[in-house]
C-alpha cells in the first residue's frame, strides 16, 4: 500500500541592518527589527495561519487518516514568539490532535554540519529542547538545514540517536534508483533515509500557479492518480517543501489550499494513506545503502551546497565565522550565543551567491552579492572582537584544546549522571509500581480470606439450625408415645 509523507519547513530569515565599518566596536546590535516584524507578520497572515487552519480542518474531517510533519528552526521560533505567537499556538493545537510530527533540525538553520561536529550537535540539541518545551516530545527524525546530507553527516546523526533523516532524492545520487523506497546511511545502517520526490514536491511548491507550465492547472485527482499509477512496490512518496509555499510562493488566489485539502479525499479513493516520517522509519525496512560521498541539498539545479559556498566571498565569510566556533562554545554567554545563532543562518551566505537560479532570490537590503558580503563581514568583525574579549586570540591552540577537552569531559560526566538519574528514577518508579501491586494483592488476599471466613461462619450457623430442626420432631414423638403409654399402665394398675 502506498503512503504519502507530507512535510513542511518553517524558518524565518533574520534580517540584518545596514552596518558600516565605522560601527565596529560601537554598535553591538545587528538586526533590522522593523523589517523582521513586517516580514514575519506578512508571512503569518498570508501563509502560515491559513495553511495551518487548513491542516486542522483536514484532520477534523479525516481523523488520524491524514498526517503531516513540520520542522521549525530555533531562530524561526524566536521570531514567531516576538511577532506572531498565534502561529505557535496553532501549531500546539495541531499537535494536540496526535496527527502531527515535529522533526529535529539545527536551531540556527545554519551550515554547522559542514564545519564543526560539536557545534552541529549542540545546535540540534538546542532545537530539540525547544521542540520538547512546546510540543512535549523530543524528535526522533532529523532534517538538516535545506536537507543537507552526506555519508558523514548521516553517520553523525546516527551517533546522536536518530532513527531517520530526510534528504533530497537527487538524480546524481540515485542514478537509476527510485526515491520511493526507504534507504539507509551506508556508514550507519540503522539510520533510515527518506528521499524527497523532487518532481512531485516542486509541482506544488514551484509550478502550481505557473500558467506557462504544461501541467497547469494541476488538480488533486490527477496528482493522486499519478502517484497511484506508480509501480506497486514503490510505496513511499515523500513530498517536502517550505510552508510559505502555501500562500507566498503560490498565492492563496491560486486555490493552492483547496488543492491541498482535496488530496486526502482523492488519496482515500485510491487506497493511499498518509504517514509521518517516524512511522515510516518504524514500519518499513530499508532496501539498501545510499552512498552520498559529496554533500547534497534541495537547493538549485545542482542540489549541492554551492549556493552558500560557491564563491570566494562566501567561503571567506564561512571560514571566518566558524574559526571562532570553539571560543563561542567556551564563552557560553547568552547574548553571544543569540548573535551566534543568527549569524549562522544559511540565508546570510545565500545573499552573497553569484549563481544564476531558476528560483528568484530576494536579497533584501543588499544591492549585490558584494554588498551582502561587506555588510556581513562588518558585523562579523564586531562579533569576533566581542568573542575575543572573552577568550583572546593570544590563548594558544594547546590551551584552547585543553579547555575544550575539560568542557567535553564535564559534559560527558553530566550526561552520564543525567542518564544515571533517569535510570534510578525509572527503578524507583518500577519499585513503587511493584509495591502498589503487592499491596493490591495483599488487600485482595485479605478480602478473600474475610469472605471465606464469613462463608464458613454462615455454613456453621446453617448446620446448627438444621441439627436443631431435626432434633425437635424426635422429642415431640417421644412425648406423644409416653402420653399414649401412660393411660394403659394406669388401667393395668387398677385391675
Protein backbone atom coordinates (compact mmCIF):
# COMPACT_ATOMS: atom_id res chain seq x y z
CA UNK A 1 0.00 0.00 0.00
CA UNK A 2 1.35 3.41 -0.96
CA UNK A 3 1.72 6.11 1.67
CA UNK A 4 2.37 9.85 1.37
CA UNK A 5 4.77 11.57 3.75
CA UNK A 6 3.90 15.27 3.73
CA UNK A 7 6.45 17.56 5.40
CA UNK A 8 6.84 21.37 5.70
CA UNK A 9 9.76 23.52 6.84
CA UNK A 10 9.13 26.63 8.95
CA UNK A 11 12.08 29.02 9.09
CA UNK A 12 12.25 32.79 9.24
CA UNK A 13 15.09 34.92 7.88
CA UNK A 14 16.66 37.25 10.45
CA UNK A 15 17.22 40.50 8.57
CA UNK A 16 20.47 42.26 9.39
CA UNK A 17 20.53 46.05 9.39
CA UNK A 18 22.87 48.25 7.41
CA UNK A 19 26.11 48.04 9.39
CA UNK A 20 29.12 50.13 8.32
CA UNK A 21 32.80 49.75 9.04
CA UNK A 22 32.72 52.69 11.46
CA UNK A 23 30.04 50.94 13.56
CA UNK A 24 32.51 48.21 14.55
CA UNK A 25 33.28 48.48 18.25
CA UNK A 26 30.49 50.98 18.96
CA UNK A 27 27.27 49.20 17.96
CA UNK A 28 26.69 45.60 19.02
CA UNK A 29 23.09 45.28 17.81
CA UNK A 30 22.93 43.93 14.26
CA UNK A 31 19.25 43.48 13.35
CA UNK A 32 16.54 45.33 11.46
CA UNK A 33 13.63 44.94 13.88
CA UNK A 34 11.16 46.77 11.67
CA UNK A 35 11.84 44.53 8.69
CA UNK A 36 11.75 41.39 10.83
CA UNK A 37 8.40 42.40 12.30
CA UNK A 38 6.98 43.34 8.90
CA UNK A 39 8.04 40.19 7.08
CA UNK A 40 7.02 37.65 9.73
CA UNK A 41 3.66 39.40 10.18
CA UNK A 42 3.06 39.34 6.43
CA UNK A 43 4.05 35.66 6.08
CA UNK A 44 1.94 34.64 9.08
CA UNK A 45 -1.12 36.40 7.68
CA UNK A 46 -0.77 35.30 4.05
CA UNK A 47 0.66 31.81 4.54
CA UNK A 48 1.21 30.25 7.95
CA UNK A 49 -2.19 30.84 9.56
CA UNK A 50 -4.36 29.99 6.52
CA UNK A 51 -2.26 26.86 5.83
CA UNK A 52 -2.30 25.65 9.43
CA UNK A 53 -6.05 26.27 9.69
CA UNK A 54 -6.48 24.21 6.52
CA UNK A 55 -4.49 21.33 8.05
CA UNK A 56 -6.64 21.48 11.17
CA UNK A 57 -9.79 21.27 9.03
CA UNK A 58 -8.32 18.28 7.19
CA UNK A 59 -7.58 16.46 10.45
CA UNK A 60 -11.08 17.19 11.76
CA UNK A 61 -12.57 15.86 8.53
CA UNK A 62 -10.38 12.78 8.10
CA UNK A 63 -9.23 11.98 11.66
CA UNK A 64 -5.98 10.09 12.02
CA UNK A 65 -6.09 9.07 8.35
CA UNK A 66 -4.42 12.38 7.46
CA UNK A 67 -0.98 13.11 8.94
CA UNK A 68 1.62 15.81 8.38
CA UNK A 69 5.09 16.71 9.67
CA UNK A 70 6.84 20.01 10.39
CA UNK A 71 10.25 21.21 11.43
CA UNK A 72 10.89 24.64 12.96
CA UNK A 73 14.27 26.32 13.24
CA UNK A 74 15.03 27.82 16.64
CA UNK A 75 15.62 31.30 15.20
CA UNK A 76 12.28 30.97 13.40
CA UNK A 77 10.56 30.13 16.69
CA UNK A 78 12.14 33.19 18.33
CA UNK A 79 10.74 35.40 15.57
CA UNK A 80 7.31 33.83 15.94
CA UNK A 81 7.42 34.30 19.70
CA UNK A 82 8.06 38.03 19.26
CA UNK A 83 5.99 38.88 16.19
CA UNK A 84 3.42 36.11 15.53
CA UNK A 85 2.72 33.97 18.65
CA UNK A 86 -0.61 32.90 17.14
CA UNK A 87 1.31 30.65 14.75
CA UNK A 88 2.89 28.74 17.64
CA UNK A 89 -0.49 28.48 19.36
CA UNK A 90 -1.98 26.98 16.19
CA UNK A 91 0.91 24.50 15.90
CA UNK A 92 0.29 23.41 19.51
CA UNK A 93 -3.40 22.94 18.65
CA UNK A 94 -2.37 20.75 15.73
CA UNK A 95 0.00 18.83 17.98
CA UNK A 96 -2.88 18.02 20.34
CA UNK A 97 -4.63 16.11 17.54
CA UNK A 98 -1.92 13.42 17.56
CA UNK A 99 -1.73 13.56 13.74
CA UNK A 100 1.34 15.81 13.54
CA UNK A 101 5.05 15.09 13.99
CA UNK A 102 7.75 17.68 14.70
CA UNK A 103 11.27 16.97 13.46
CA UNK A 104 14.72 17.97 14.68
CA UNK A 105 16.91 20.42 12.79
CA UNK A 106 19.74 22.86 13.62
CA UNK A 107 18.49 25.66 15.86
CA UNK A 108 20.23 28.29 13.72
CA UNK A 109 19.19 26.80 10.36
CA UNK A 110 22.89 27.09 9.64
CA UNK A 111 25.71 25.19 7.98
CA UNK A 112 27.46 23.86 11.08
CA UNK A 113 27.24 20.28 9.77
CA UNK A 114 29.77 21.32 7.11
CA UNK A 115 32.20 22.91 9.56
CA UNK A 116 32.19 21.72 13.16
CA UNK A 117 30.70 18.50 14.56
CA UNK A 118 30.47 19.70 18.16
CA UNK A 119 28.80 22.90 17.00
CA UNK A 120 26.31 20.93 14.90
CA UNK A 121 25.45 18.57 17.77
CA UNK A 122 24.91 21.49 20.16
CA UNK A 123 22.81 23.28 17.52
CA UNK A 124 20.49 20.31 17.03
CA UNK A 125 20.18 19.51 20.75
CA UNK A 126 19.20 23.12 21.45
CA UNK A 127 16.39 22.90 18.89
CA UNK A 128 15.24 19.53 20.26
CA UNK A 129 14.91 21.04 23.73
CA UNK A 130 12.75 23.79 22.22
CA UNK A 131 10.56 21.19 20.49
CA UNK A 132 10.06 19.33 23.74
CA UNK A 133 9.24 22.59 25.52
CA UNK A 134 6.49 23.46 23.02
CA UNK A 135 5.19 20.07 21.93
CA UNK A 136 6.06 17.71 24.79
CA UNK A 137 8.20 15.25 22.86
CA UNK A 138 11.78 15.03 21.61
CA UNK A 139 12.07 14.44 17.86
CA UNK A 140 13.43 11.11 16.65
CA UNK A 141 13.91 12.07 12.99
CA UNK A 142 16.38 14.71 11.81
CA UNK A 143 16.03 17.19 8.99
CA UNK A 144 19.22 19.17 8.38
CA UNK A 145 19.09 22.76 7.06
CA UNK A 146 17.83 22.67 3.45
CA UNK A 147 18.05 18.84 3.56
CA UNK A 148 21.87 18.99 3.57
CA UNK A 149 23.24 15.44 3.76
CA UNK A 150 26.32 13.31 3.20
CA UNK A 151 27.51 9.93 4.45
CA UNK A 152 29.49 11.58 7.25
CA UNK A 153 26.56 13.75 8.32
CA UNK A 154 24.34 10.66 8.35
CA UNK A 155 26.86 8.82 10.49
CA UNK A 156 26.93 11.77 12.92
CA UNK A 157 23.11 11.83 13.05
CA UNK A 158 23.07 8.10 13.85
CA UNK A 159 25.57 8.63 16.68
CA UNK A 160 23.14 11.19 18.13
CA UNK A 161 20.44 8.52 18.34
CA UNK A 162 18.20 9.50 15.42
CA UNK A 163 16.37 6.65 13.72
CA UNK A 164 15.77 8.51 10.47
CA UNK A 165 16.79 11.51 8.38
CA UNK A 166 15.24 13.43 5.49
CA UNK A 167 17.21 14.39 2.41
CA UNK A 168 16.91 15.13 -1.31
CA UNK A 169 16.14 12.49 -3.91
CA UNK A 170 18.77 13.97 -6.23
CA UNK A 171 19.25 12.27 -9.61
CA UNK A 172 23.05 12.42 -9.45
CA UNK A 173 22.90 10.40 -6.20
CA UNK A 174 20.08 7.98 -7.04
CA UNK A 175 21.04 7.24 -10.63
CA UNK A 176 18.62 4.52 -11.78
CA UNK A 177 17.15 4.10 -8.30
CA UNK A 178 13.75 5.47 -7.25
CA UNK A 179 13.17 7.89 -4.32
CA UNK A 180 10.05 5.91 -3.44
CA UNK A 181 11.81 3.45 -1.15
CA UNK A 182 13.36 3.64 2.31
CA UNK A 183 17.17 3.58 2.19
CA UNK A 184 19.81 3.67 4.92
CA UNK A 185 23.07 5.50 5.54
CA UNK A 186 25.95 3.44 4.16
CA UNK A 187 28.10 4.29 7.21
CA UNK A 188 25.31 3.72 9.76
CA UNK A 189 22.79 1.07 8.61
CA UNK A 190 20.41 1.82 11.49
CA UNK A 191 19.78 5.35 10.17
CA UNK A 192 16.96 5.22 7.62
CA UNK A 193 16.74 7.82 4.86
CA UNK A 194 13.56 9.30 3.37
CA UNK A 195 14.20 10.90 -0.03
CA UNK A 196 12.23 13.85 -1.33
CA UNK A 197 10.39 13.31 -4.61
CA UNK A 198 11.72 16.36 -6.47
CA UNK A 199 9.12 16.46 -9.23
CA UNK A 200 6.00 15.93 -7.11
CA UNK A 201 7.21 18.40 -4.47
CA UNK A 202 8.15 21.12 -6.96
CA UNK A 203 4.86 20.66 -8.85
CA UNK A 204 3.19 22.14 -5.76
CA UNK A 205 5.82 24.49 -4.34
CA UNK A 206 7.25 25.98 -7.57
CA UNK A 207 4.94 25.35 -10.53
CA UNK A 208 1.37 25.19 -9.23
CA UNK A 209 0.30 28.71 -10.31
CA UNK A 210 2.56 28.96 -13.37
CA UNK A 211 0.23 29.30 -16.35
CA UNK A 212 3.10 28.57 -18.76
CA UNK A 213 3.74 25.17 -17.17
CA UNK A 214 2.46 22.27 -19.33
CA UNK A 215 0.92 20.67 -16.23
CA UNK A 216 -1.21 23.75 -15.44
CA UNK A 217 -3.81 23.65 -13.99
CA UNK A 218 -2.95 20.92 -11.52
CA UNK A 219 -5.92 19.13 -9.95
CA UNK A 220 -5.81 16.93 -6.86
CA UNK A 221 -7.32 13.88 -8.57
CA UNK A 222 -4.74 14.00 -11.38
CA UNK A 223 -1.95 14.44 -8.85
CA UNK A 224 -3.09 11.41 -6.83
CA UNK A 225 -3.68 9.37 -10.00
CA UNK A 226 -0.05 9.98 -10.92
CA UNK A 227 1.00 8.55 -7.55
CA UNK A 228 -1.41 5.61 -7.81
CA UNK A 229 -0.05 4.69 -11.26
CA UNK A 230 3.47 4.16 -9.92
CA UNK A 231 4.70 0.53 -9.60
CA UNK A 232 3.15 -1.34 -6.67
CA UNK A 233 6.48 -1.87 -4.92
CA UNK A 234 7.20 1.90 -4.85
CA UNK A 235 5.36 2.58 -1.61
CA UNK A 236 6.82 5.76 -0.05
CA UNK A 237 6.03 9.14 -1.64
CA UNK A 238 7.90 11.93 0.16
CA UNK A 239 6.56 15.41 -0.58
CA UNK A 240 8.71 18.02 1.18
CA UNK A 241 8.60 21.84 0.89
CA UNK A 242 8.63 25.11 2.81
CA UNK A 243 5.32 26.03 4.45
CA UNK A 244 5.44 29.50 2.89
CA UNK A 245 4.98 27.78 -0.49
CA UNK A 246 1.30 27.71 0.53
CA UNK A 247 0.36 31.38 0.30
CA UNK A 248 3.61 33.13 -0.64
CA UNK A 249 5.33 31.17 -3.44
CA UNK A 250 1.88 30.02 -4.55
CA UNK A 251 -0.64 32.77 -3.65
CA UNK A 252 -3.92 31.90 -1.97
CA UNK A 253 -5.73 33.25 -5.02
CA UNK A 254 -4.35 30.27 -6.97
CA UNK A 255 -6.56 27.97 -4.84
CA UNK A 256 -3.49 26.20 -3.52
CA UNK A 257 -5.19 25.43 -0.18
CA UNK A 258 -8.25 23.96 -1.91
CA UNK A 259 -5.87 21.68 -3.80
CA UNK A 260 -4.13 20.61 -0.56
CA UNK A 261 -7.45 19.96 1.20
CA UNK A 262 -8.62 17.77 -1.68
CA UNK A 263 -5.57 15.49 -1.55
CA UNK A 264 -6.77 13.21 1.33
CA UNK A 265 -10.20 12.76 -0.27
CA UNK A 266 -8.68 11.69 -3.59
CA UNK A 267 -5.98 9.57 -1.91
CA UNK A 268 -8.55 7.67 0.15
CA UNK A 269 -10.42 6.67 -3.00
CA UNK A 270 -7.22 5.12 -4.36
CA UNK A 271 -6.31 3.33 -1.13
CA UNK A 272 -3.31 5.63 -0.49
CA UNK A 273 -2.56 6.53 3.13
CA UNK A 274 -0.63 9.32 4.90
CA UNK A 275 2.23 8.66 7.34
CA UNK A 276 4.69 10.65 9.44
CA UNK A 277 8.45 10.18 8.98
CA UNK A 278 8.86 8.29 12.26
CA UNK A 279 6.02 5.90 11.35
CA UNK A 280 7.70 5.09 8.05
CA UNK A 281 11.09 4.60 9.73
CA UNK A 282 9.47 2.32 12.30
CA UNK A 283 7.39 0.16 9.94
CA UNK A 284 9.27 -0.05 6.67
CA UNK A 285 12.53 -1.84 6.01
CA UNK A 286 15.42 -0.34 4.10
CA UNK A 287 16.04 -1.70 0.62
CA UNK A 288 19.76 -0.94 0.81
CA UNK A 289 22.59 1.53 1.36
CA UNK A 290 22.61 5.00 -0.15
CA UNK A 291 26.08 6.32 -0.96
CA UNK A 292 26.45 10.11 -0.74
CA UNK A 293 30.18 10.93 -0.57
CA UNK A 294 29.61 14.55 -1.66
CA UNK A 295 27.22 16.84 0.19
CA UNK A 296 23.79 17.41 -1.35
CA UNK A 297 20.83 19.69 -0.56
CA UNK A 298 17.42 20.60 -2.04
CA UNK A 299 18.58 23.97 -3.44
CA UNK A 300 19.11 24.92 -7.11
CA UNK A 301 19.65 22.64 -10.10
CA UNK A 302 22.93 21.21 -8.77
CA UNK A 303 21.35 20.04 -5.48
CA UNK A 304 24.61 20.75 -3.63
CA UNK A 305 25.99 23.46 -1.27
CA UNK A 306 27.31 25.80 -3.97
CA UNK A 307 24.53 28.32 -3.34
CA UNK A 308 26.15 29.02 0.07
CA UNK A 309 29.81 28.24 -0.55
CA UNK A 310 30.22 28.58 -4.31
CA UNK A 311 32.37 31.72 -4.48
CA UNK A 312 35.42 33.08 -2.58
CA UNK A 313 33.36 35.68 -0.69
CA UNK A 314 31.04 33.04 0.74
CA UNK A 315 33.90 30.73 1.71
CA UNK A 316 35.79 33.60 3.35
CA UNK A 317 32.75 34.57 5.46
CA UNK A 318 32.01 30.92 6.28
CA UNK A 319 35.57 30.10 7.37
CA UNK A 320 35.85 33.32 9.37
CA UNK A 321 32.62 32.61 11.22
CA UNK A 322 33.40 29.02 12.17
CA UNK A 323 37.00 29.82 13.09
CA UNK A 324 35.63 31.06 16.43
CA UNK A 325 33.08 28.27 16.96
CA UNK A 326 35.04 26.67 19.82
CA UNK A 327 35.59 30.03 21.54
CA UNK A 328 31.88 30.81 21.37
CA UNK A 329 31.10 27.43 22.92
CA UNK A 330 33.58 28.03 25.73
CA UNK A 331 32.32 31.56 26.42
CA UNK A 332 28.67 30.37 26.68
CA UNK A 333 27.48 33.97 27.02
CA UNK A 334 23.70 34.41 26.43
CA UNK A 335 24.00 37.47 24.20
CA UNK A 336 26.95 35.99 22.29
CA UNK A 337 25.02 32.74 21.84
CA UNK A 338 21.99 34.53 20.38
CA UNK A 339 24.08 36.52 17.91
CA UNK A 340 25.95 33.32 17.04
CA UNK A 341 22.66 31.58 16.16
CA UNK A 342 21.50 34.46 13.97
CA UNK A 343 24.83 34.90 12.18
CA UNK A 344 24.99 31.18 11.37
CA UNK A 345 21.67 31.24 9.48
CA UNK A 346 22.29 29.98 5.94
CA UNK A 347 20.46 32.87 4.25
CA UNK A 348 23.34 35.19 5.26
CA UNK A 349 25.57 33.22 2.86
CA UNK A 350 22.84 32.80 0.22
CA UNK A 351 22.62 36.58 -0.17
CA UNK A 352 26.27 36.51 -1.33
CA UNK A 353 25.71 33.99 -4.13
CA UNK A 354 26.69 34.86 -7.69
CA UNK A 355 24.96 31.81 -9.18
CA UNK A 356 22.06 32.20 -11.60
CA UNK A 357 18.98 30.45 -10.25
CA UNK A 358 15.57 29.46 -11.56
CA UNK A 359 14.15 30.39 -8.17
CA UNK A 360 14.01 34.13 -7.55
CA UNK A 361 16.28 35.38 -4.76
CA UNK A 362 15.25 38.43 -2.75
CA UNK A 363 18.46 39.99 -1.38
CA UNK A 364 16.58 42.36 0.90
CA UNK A 365 18.61 45.49 1.66
CA UNK A 366 21.54 44.33 -0.47
CA UNK A 367 22.10 45.62 -3.99
CA UNK A 368 24.61 42.90 -4.92
CA UNK A 369 26.47 39.83 -3.60
CA UNK A 370 29.46 42.06 -2.77
CA UNK A 371 27.19 44.42 -0.80
CA UNK A 372 25.86 41.45 1.23
CA UNK A 373 29.41 40.24 1.84
CA UNK A 374 30.66 43.65 3.00
CA UNK A 375 27.78 44.22 5.41
CA UNK A 376 28.06 40.72 6.88
CA UNK A 377 31.83 40.95 7.33
CA UNK A 378 31.50 44.29 9.15
CA UNK A 379 29.07 42.67 11.60
CA UNK A 380 31.22 39.57 11.89
CA UNK A 381 34.26 41.74 12.64
CA UNK A 382 32.49 43.31 15.60
CA UNK A 383 31.19 39.95 16.77
CA UNK A 384 34.67 38.38 16.66
CA UNK A 385 36.07 41.28 18.68
CA UNK A 386 33.44 40.64 21.36
CA UNK A 387 34.23 36.92 21.44
CA UNK A 388 37.98 37.62 21.64
CA UNK A 389 37.39 39.98 24.54
CA UNK A 390 36.14 36.94 26.47
CA UNK A 391 38.69 34.46 25.11
CA UNK A 392 41.53 36.42 23.44
CA UNK A 393 43.35 35.21 20.37
CA UNK A 394 46.52 35.05 22.50
CA UNK A 395 45.23 31.84 24.03
CA UNK A 396 47.17 29.26 22.04
CA UNK A 397 45.67 26.18 20.46
CA UNK A 398 47.04 23.86 23.12
CA UNK A 399 45.38 25.83 25.90
CA UNK A 400 42.16 26.08 23.91
CA UNK A 401 42.20 22.34 23.25
CA UNK A 402 42.71 21.76 26.96
CA UNK A 403 39.70 23.93 27.78
CA UNK A 404 37.61 22.16 25.17
CA UNK A 405 38.65 18.76 26.50
CA UNK A 406 37.73 19.84 30.02
CA UNK A 407 34.35 21.11 28.86
CA UNK A 408 33.72 17.93 26.87
CA UNK A 409 34.66 15.75 29.84
CA UNK A 410 32.39 17.77 32.09
CA UNK A 411 29.60 17.47 29.54
CA UNK A 412 30.13 13.72 29.28
CA UNK A 413 30.13 13.41 33.07
CA UNK A 414 26.95 15.45 33.35
CA UNK A 415 25.33 13.32 30.65
CA UNK A 416 26.36 10.14 32.46
CA UNK A 417 24.93 11.48 35.71
CA UNK A 418 21.74 12.53 33.94
CA UNK A 419 21.43 9.05 32.46
CA UNK A 420 22.04 7.53 35.90
CA UNK A 421 19.37 9.79 37.39
CA UNK A 422 16.93 8.70 34.68
CA UNK A 423 17.82 5.07 35.34
CA UNK A 424 17.36 5.43 39.10
CA UNK A 425 14.08 7.29 38.65
CA UNK A 426 12.86 4.51 36.40
CA UNK A 427 13.97 1.96 39.02
CA UNK A 428 12.19 3.85 41.81
CA UNK A 429 9.06 4.12 39.67
CA UNK A 430 9.18 0.38 38.97
CA UNK A 431 9.65 -0.40 42.69
CA UNK A 432 6.72 1.86 43.56
CA UNK A 433 4.58 0.12 40.96
CA UNK A 434 5.59 -3.29 42.32
CA UNK A 435 4.83 -2.10 45.86
CA UNK A 436 1.38 -0.95 44.78
CA UNK A 437 0.80 -4.27 43.03
CA UNK A 438 1.90 -6.14 46.17
CA UNK A 439 -0.38 -4.02 48.37
CA UNK A 440 -3.22 -4.62 45.99
CA UNK A 441 -2.50 -8.36 46.04
CA UNK A 442 -2.37 -8.41 49.87
CA UNK A 443 -5.64 -6.46 50.08
CA UNK A 444 -7.32 -8.83 47.65
CA UNK A 445 -5.99 -11.85 49.60
CA UNK A 446 -7.19 -10.34 52.86
CA UNK A 447 -10.63 -9.69 51.38
CA UNK A 448 -10.71 -13.23 50.03
CA UNK A 449 -9.87 -14.67 53.48
CA UNK A 450 -12.53 -12.49 55.11
CA UNK A 451 -15.04 -13.64 52.52
CA UNK A 452 -14.09 -17.28 53.11
CA UNK A 453 -14.35 -16.79 56.89
CA UNK A 454 -17.80 -15.27 56.53
CA UNK A 455 -18.79 -18.11 54.26
CA UNK A 456 -17.54 -20.70 56.80
CA UNK A 457 -19.43 -18.94 59.63
CA UNK A 458 -22.63 -18.95 57.61
CA UNK A 459 -22.21 -22.66 56.82
CA UNK A 460 -21.66 -23.48 60.54
CA UNK A 461 -24.71 -21.48 61.57
CA UNK A 462 -26.79 -23.13 58.90
CA UNK A 463 -25.65 -26.59 60.05
CA UNK A 464 -26.63 -25.87 63.67
CA UNK A 465 -30.06 -24.72 62.63
CA UNK A 466 -30.53 -27.86 60.58
CA UNK A 467 -29.50 -30.07 63.54
CA UNK A 468 -31.90 -28.26 65.86
CA UNK A 469 -34.74 -28.61 63.40
CA UNK A 470 -34.08 -32.35 63.03
CA UNK A 471 -33.94 -32.94 66.84
CA UNK A 472 -37.21 -31.16 67.52
CA UNK A 473 -39.55 -33.73 65.82
CA UNK A 474 -37.96 -36.67 67.64
CA UNK A 475 -38.69 -35.10 71.06
CA UNK A 476 -42.28 -34.44 70.12
CA UNK A 477 -42.90 -38.04 69.03
CA UNK A 478 -41.32 -39.39 72.19
CA UNK A 479 -43.65 -37.23 74.31
CA UNK A 480 -46.60 -38.43 72.33
CA UNK A 481 -45.60 -42.04 72.79
CA UNK A 482 -45.15 -41.51 76.52
CA UNK A 483 -48.60 -39.94 76.81
CA UNK A 484 -50.18 -42.87 74.99
CA UNK A 485 -48.40 -45.43 77.19
CA UNK A 486 -49.28 -43.74 80.47
CA UNK A 487 -53.08 -44.39 80.43
CA UNK A 488 -52.55 -48.00 79.56
CA UNK A 489 -50.31 -48.53 82.54
CA UNK A 490 -52.81 -46.82 84.82
CA UNK A 491 -55.65 -49.18 83.79
CA UNK A 492 -53.48 -52.22 84.39
CA UNK A 493 -52.71 -51.00 87.93
CA UNK A 494 -56.39 -50.57 88.62
CA UNK A 495 -57.09 -54.16 87.59
